[in-house]
N, C-alpha and C. Protein backbone atom coordinates (compact mmCIF):
# COMPACT_ATOMS: atom_id res chain seq x y z
N MET A 1 -30.41 21.45 54.11
CA MET A 1 -29.80 20.56 52.91
C MET A 1 -28.90 19.32 53.40
N LYS A 2 -29.45 18.24 53.27
CA LYS A 2 -28.47 17.18 53.51
C LYS A 2 -27.58 16.45 52.62
N ILE A 3 -26.15 16.66 52.75
CA ILE A 3 -25.18 15.66 52.14
C ILE A 3 -24.68 14.21 52.22
N ASN A 4 -24.91 13.48 51.65
CA ASN A 4 -24.23 12.35 51.29
C ASN A 4 -23.33 11.88 51.23
N PRO A 5 -22.17 11.79 51.46
CA PRO A 5 -20.75 11.77 50.75
C PRO A 5 -20.93 10.23 50.15
N MET A 6 -21.54 9.06 50.38
CA MET A 6 -21.63 7.79 50.13
C MET A 6 -22.16 7.80 48.79
N HIS A 7 -23.15 8.57 48.24
CA HIS A 7 -24.39 9.10 47.65
C HIS A 7 -23.10 8.99 46.00
N SER A 8 -22.26 10.19 46.29
CA SER A 8 -21.54 10.63 44.84
C SER A 8 -20.17 9.60 44.98
N VAL A 9 -19.61 8.63 45.98
CA VAL A 9 -18.64 7.80 45.83
C VAL A 9 -19.29 6.73 45.16
N ASN A 10 -20.38 5.83 45.53
CA ASN A 10 -21.62 5.35 44.32
C ASN A 10 -21.56 5.64 43.05
N ALA A 11 -21.82 6.81 42.87
CA ALA A 11 -21.93 7.36 41.71
C ALA A 11 -20.64 7.50 40.82
N TYR A 12 -19.95 7.36 41.23
CA TYR A 12 -18.87 7.54 40.89
C TYR A 12 -18.27 5.89 40.29
N ARG A 13 -18.44 4.87 41.32
CA ARG A 13 -18.06 3.88 41.34
C ARG A 13 -18.84 2.80 39.76
N LYS A 14 -20.24 3.55 39.75
CA LYS A 14 -21.00 2.79 38.67
C LYS A 14 -20.49 3.51 37.35
N GLN A 15 -20.32 4.82 37.56
CA GLN A 15 -19.82 5.26 36.19
C GLN A 15 -18.67 4.67 35.63
N GLN A 16 -17.36 4.07 37.02
CA GLN A 16 -16.08 3.53 36.65
C GLN A 16 -16.26 2.45 35.98
N ASP A 17 -17.13 1.49 36.47
CA ASP A 17 -17.78 -0.12 36.05
C ASP A 17 -18.23 -0.03 34.89
N VAL A 18 -18.87 1.10 34.44
CA VAL A 18 -19.50 1.33 33.15
C VAL A 18 -18.55 1.43 31.70
N THR A 19 -17.57 2.33 32.30
CA THR A 19 -16.38 2.44 31.07
C THR A 19 -15.65 1.24 31.02
N THR A 20 -15.51 0.41 32.40
CA THR A 20 -14.60 -0.93 31.85
C THR A 20 -15.32 -1.83 31.56
N GLN A 21 -16.51 -1.85 31.46
CA GLN A 21 -16.95 -2.64 30.74
C GLN A 21 -17.40 -2.49 29.42
N LYS A 22 -17.36 -1.31 28.47
CA LYS A 22 -16.97 -0.95 27.24
C LYS A 22 -16.08 -1.11 26.97
N THR A 23 -14.51 -0.81 27.83
CA THR A 23 -13.52 -1.06 27.72
C THR A 23 -13.17 -2.40 27.43
N THR A 24 -13.49 -3.74 27.80
CA THR A 24 -13.02 -4.89 28.35
C THR A 24 -14.18 -5.90 26.77
N GLU A 25 -15.03 -4.96 26.06
CA GLU A 25 -15.48 -5.73 24.84
C GLU A 25 -14.53 -6.34 24.25
N PRO A 26 -14.51 -7.15 23.23
CA PRO A 26 -13.88 -7.65 22.40
C PRO A 26 -14.28 -7.04 20.84
N THR A 27 -13.35 -6.86 20.42
CA THR A 27 -13.56 -6.65 18.77
C THR A 27 -13.65 -7.14 18.06
N LYS A 28 -14.83 -6.92 17.03
CA LYS A 28 -14.73 -7.91 16.10
C LYS A 28 -15.10 -7.49 14.83
N LYS A 29 -14.13 -5.92 14.83
CA LYS A 29 -13.84 -5.92 13.60
C LYS A 29 -12.44 -6.28 12.24
N GLN A 30 -12.67 -6.72 11.56
CA GLN A 30 -11.38 -7.53 10.96
C GLN A 30 -11.27 -6.61 9.55
N ASP A 31 -9.78 -6.66 9.52
CA ASP A 31 -9.38 -5.95 7.77
C ASP A 31 -9.91 -6.52 7.12
N GLN A 32 -10.45 -5.91 5.83
CA GLN A 32 -10.78 -6.51 4.55
C GLN A 32 -9.64 -6.20 3.58
N LEU A 33 -9.36 -6.88 2.16
CA LEU A 33 -8.77 -6.30 1.33
C LEU A 33 -9.30 -6.80 -0.03
N GLN A 34 -9.97 -6.17 -0.61
CA GLN A 34 -10.53 -6.01 -1.83
C GLN A 34 -9.71 -5.64 -3.15
N ILE A 35 -9.64 -6.44 -4.08
CA ILE A 35 -8.42 -6.31 -5.29
C ILE A 35 -9.39 -6.01 -6.39
N SER A 36 -9.45 -5.02 -7.01
CA SER A 36 -10.22 -4.99 -8.69
C SER A 36 -9.98 -5.53 -9.29
N SER A 37 -10.64 -5.48 -10.43
CA SER A 37 -10.52 -6.77 -11.49
C SER A 37 -9.65 -5.79 -12.36
N GLU A 38 -9.33 -4.63 -12.44
CA GLU A 38 -8.40 -4.04 -13.03
C GLU A 38 -6.77 -4.09 -12.82
N ALA A 39 -6.71 -4.27 -11.28
CA ALA A 39 -5.51 -4.60 -10.42
C ALA A 39 -5.44 -5.69 -11.08
N LYS A 40 -6.23 -6.73 -10.81
CA LYS A 40 -5.70 -8.41 -11.11
C LYS A 40 -5.24 -8.44 -12.51
N LYS A 41 -5.45 -7.52 -13.40
CA LYS A 41 -5.30 -7.46 -14.65
C LYS A 41 -3.53 -7.05 -15.13
N MET A 42 -3.50 -5.90 -14.25
CA MET A 42 -2.31 -5.00 -14.07
C MET A 42 -1.40 -6.44 -13.48
N GLN A 43 -2.00 -6.98 -12.66
CA GLN A 43 -0.68 -7.69 -11.96
C GLN A 43 -0.27 -9.30 -13.04
N GLU A 44 -1.24 -9.55 -13.61
CA GLU A 44 -0.73 -10.57 -14.41
C GLU A 44 0.14 -9.81 -15.49
N SER A 45 -0.36 -8.91 -16.48
CA SER A 45 0.44 -7.98 -17.25
C SER A 45 1.88 -7.99 -16.65
N SER A 46 2.05 -7.46 -15.62
CA SER A 46 3.04 -6.98 -15.42
C SER A 46 4.19 -8.57 -14.86
N GLN A 47 4.01 -9.45 -15.11
CA GLN A 47 4.89 -10.82 -15.31
C GLN A 47 5.66 -10.40 -16.60
N LEU A 48 6.78 -10.64 -16.52
CA LEU A 48 7.53 -10.33 -17.99
C LEU A 48 7.25 -12.15 -18.35
N SER A 49 7.34 -11.76 -19.85
CA SER A 49 7.31 -12.93 -20.75
C SER A 49 8.97 -13.53 -21.07
N ALA A 50 8.88 -14.38 -21.48
CA ALA A 50 10.24 -14.79 -21.64
C ALA A 50 11.32 -14.58 -22.21
N ASP A 51 10.77 -13.95 -23.67
CA ASP A 51 11.45 -12.86 -24.90
C ASP A 51 11.87 -11.87 -23.89
N ARG A 52 11.07 -11.18 -23.33
CA ARG A 52 11.42 -9.71 -22.76
C ARG A 52 12.51 -10.06 -21.44
N GLN A 53 12.61 -10.91 -20.87
CA GLN A 53 13.07 -11.52 -20.48
C GLN A 53 14.38 -11.54 -20.53
N GLU A 54 14.72 -12.23 -21.68
CA GLU A 54 15.99 -12.62 -22.39
C GLU A 54 16.18 -11.45 -22.76
N LYS A 55 15.94 -10.58 -23.46
CA LYS A 55 16.22 -9.10 -23.69
C LYS A 55 17.18 -8.36 -22.27
N ILE A 56 16.01 -8.34 -21.48
CA ILE A 56 16.59 -7.62 -20.36
C ILE A 56 17.79 -7.78 -19.88
N SER A 57 18.03 -9.82 -19.34
CA SER A 57 19.13 -10.18 -19.17
C SER A 57 20.40 -9.89 -20.54
N LYS A 58 20.28 -10.10 -21.39
CA LYS A 58 21.49 -9.54 -22.24
C LYS A 58 21.89 -7.65 -22.12
N LEU A 59 20.43 -7.06 -22.10
CA LEU A 59 20.85 -5.63 -21.75
C LEU A 59 21.96 -5.45 -20.55
N LYS A 60 21.41 -6.32 -19.64
CA LYS A 60 22.23 -5.83 -18.51
C LYS A 60 23.73 -6.42 -19.11
N ALA A 61 23.69 -7.59 -18.85
CA ALA A 61 25.21 -8.41 -19.58
C ALA A 61 26.13 -6.84 -20.18
N ASP A 62 25.29 -6.40 -21.53
CA ASP A 62 25.82 -5.27 -21.69
C ASP A 62 26.53 -4.22 -21.27
N ILE A 63 25.83 -4.10 -20.25
CA ILE A 63 25.93 -2.63 -19.27
C ILE A 63 26.97 -3.13 -18.76
N ASP A 64 27.01 -4.47 -18.05
CA ASP A 64 28.31 -4.59 -17.27
C ASP A 64 29.04 -4.74 -17.59
N GLN A 65 29.23 -4.90 -18.96
CA GLN A 65 30.84 -5.26 -19.73
C GLN A 65 31.14 -3.97 -20.26
N GLY A 66 30.27 -2.78 -20.67
CA GLY A 66 30.49 -2.08 -21.33
C GLY A 66 30.56 -1.56 -22.45
N LYS A 67 29.78 -2.45 -22.93
CA LYS A 67 29.33 -2.73 -24.38
C LYS A 67 28.40 -2.23 -24.69
N TYR A 68 27.32 -1.19 -24.17
CA TYR A 68 26.16 -1.00 -24.51
C TYR A 68 26.44 0.16 -24.78
N LYS A 69 25.86 0.76 -25.96
CA LYS A 69 25.98 2.19 -26.58
C LYS A 69 24.85 3.24 -26.67
N VAL A 70 24.45 3.95 -25.83
CA VAL A 70 23.17 4.91 -26.42
C VAL A 70 23.46 5.51 -27.55
N ASN A 71 22.15 5.43 -28.17
CA ASN A 71 21.74 5.97 -29.40
C ASN A 71 21.37 7.01 -29.17
N ALA A 72 21.96 8.59 -29.02
CA ALA A 72 21.63 9.81 -28.91
C ALA A 72 20.39 10.56 -29.81
N ASN A 73 20.56 9.99 -31.09
CA ASN A 73 19.33 10.19 -31.90
C ASN A 73 18.18 9.42 -31.76
N GLU A 74 18.03 8.56 -31.50
CA GLU A 74 17.14 7.52 -30.97
C GLU A 74 16.17 8.18 -29.87
N VAL A 75 16.79 8.26 -28.90
CA VAL A 75 17.09 9.15 -27.18
C VAL A 75 15.73 10.25 -28.01
N ALA A 76 16.86 11.00 -28.50
CA ALA A 76 16.25 12.43 -28.47
C ALA A 76 14.62 12.33 -29.46
N ARG A 77 15.02 11.35 -30.49
CA ARG A 77 13.36 11.06 -31.39
C ARG A 77 12.61 10.55 -30.39
N LYS A 78 12.81 9.88 -29.58
CA LYS A 78 11.98 9.45 -28.73
C LYS A 78 10.95 10.72 -27.75
N PHE A 79 12.14 11.12 -27.34
CA PHE A 79 11.96 12.92 -25.93
C PHE A 79 11.05 13.27 -27.26
N TYR A 80 11.21 13.60 -28.29
CA TYR A 80 10.42 14.53 -29.32
C TYR A 80 8.85 14.13 -29.78
N ASP A 81 9.04 12.70 -29.72
CA ASP A 81 7.16 12.24 -30.34
C ASP A 81 6.54 11.81 -28.56
N PHE A 82 7.13 12.13 -28.03
CA PHE A 82 6.53 11.68 -26.19
C PHE A 82 5.96 13.07 -26.28
N TRP A 83 6.75 14.29 -26.12
CA TRP A 83 6.43 15.54 -26.13
C TRP A 83 5.41 16.54 -26.81
N SER A 84 5.38 15.65 -28.21
CA SER A 84 4.80 16.56 -29.43
C SER A 84 3.52 16.01 -29.50
N LYS A 85 3.04 14.91 -28.31
CA LYS A 85 1.87 14.52 -28.76
C LYS A 85 0.83 15.33 -28.31
């Protein structure tokens, strides 16, 4: 049986060359983003109207000044309505 040590070294080098060629190829994949029409509608509706923004500003000012009082009966009624559905 004849053993040729150069043959095994060449086979190893050929395999190594193939793996380096595979890793050096540039990737052509790109990220893509798709927004559904429902998400677009939600985004448009999430913008606050002027009336709602004014109400929020007034509530924030009342809370900061300590004037805002919570109506416990109204809160309890809303909880009841929500949980009794």
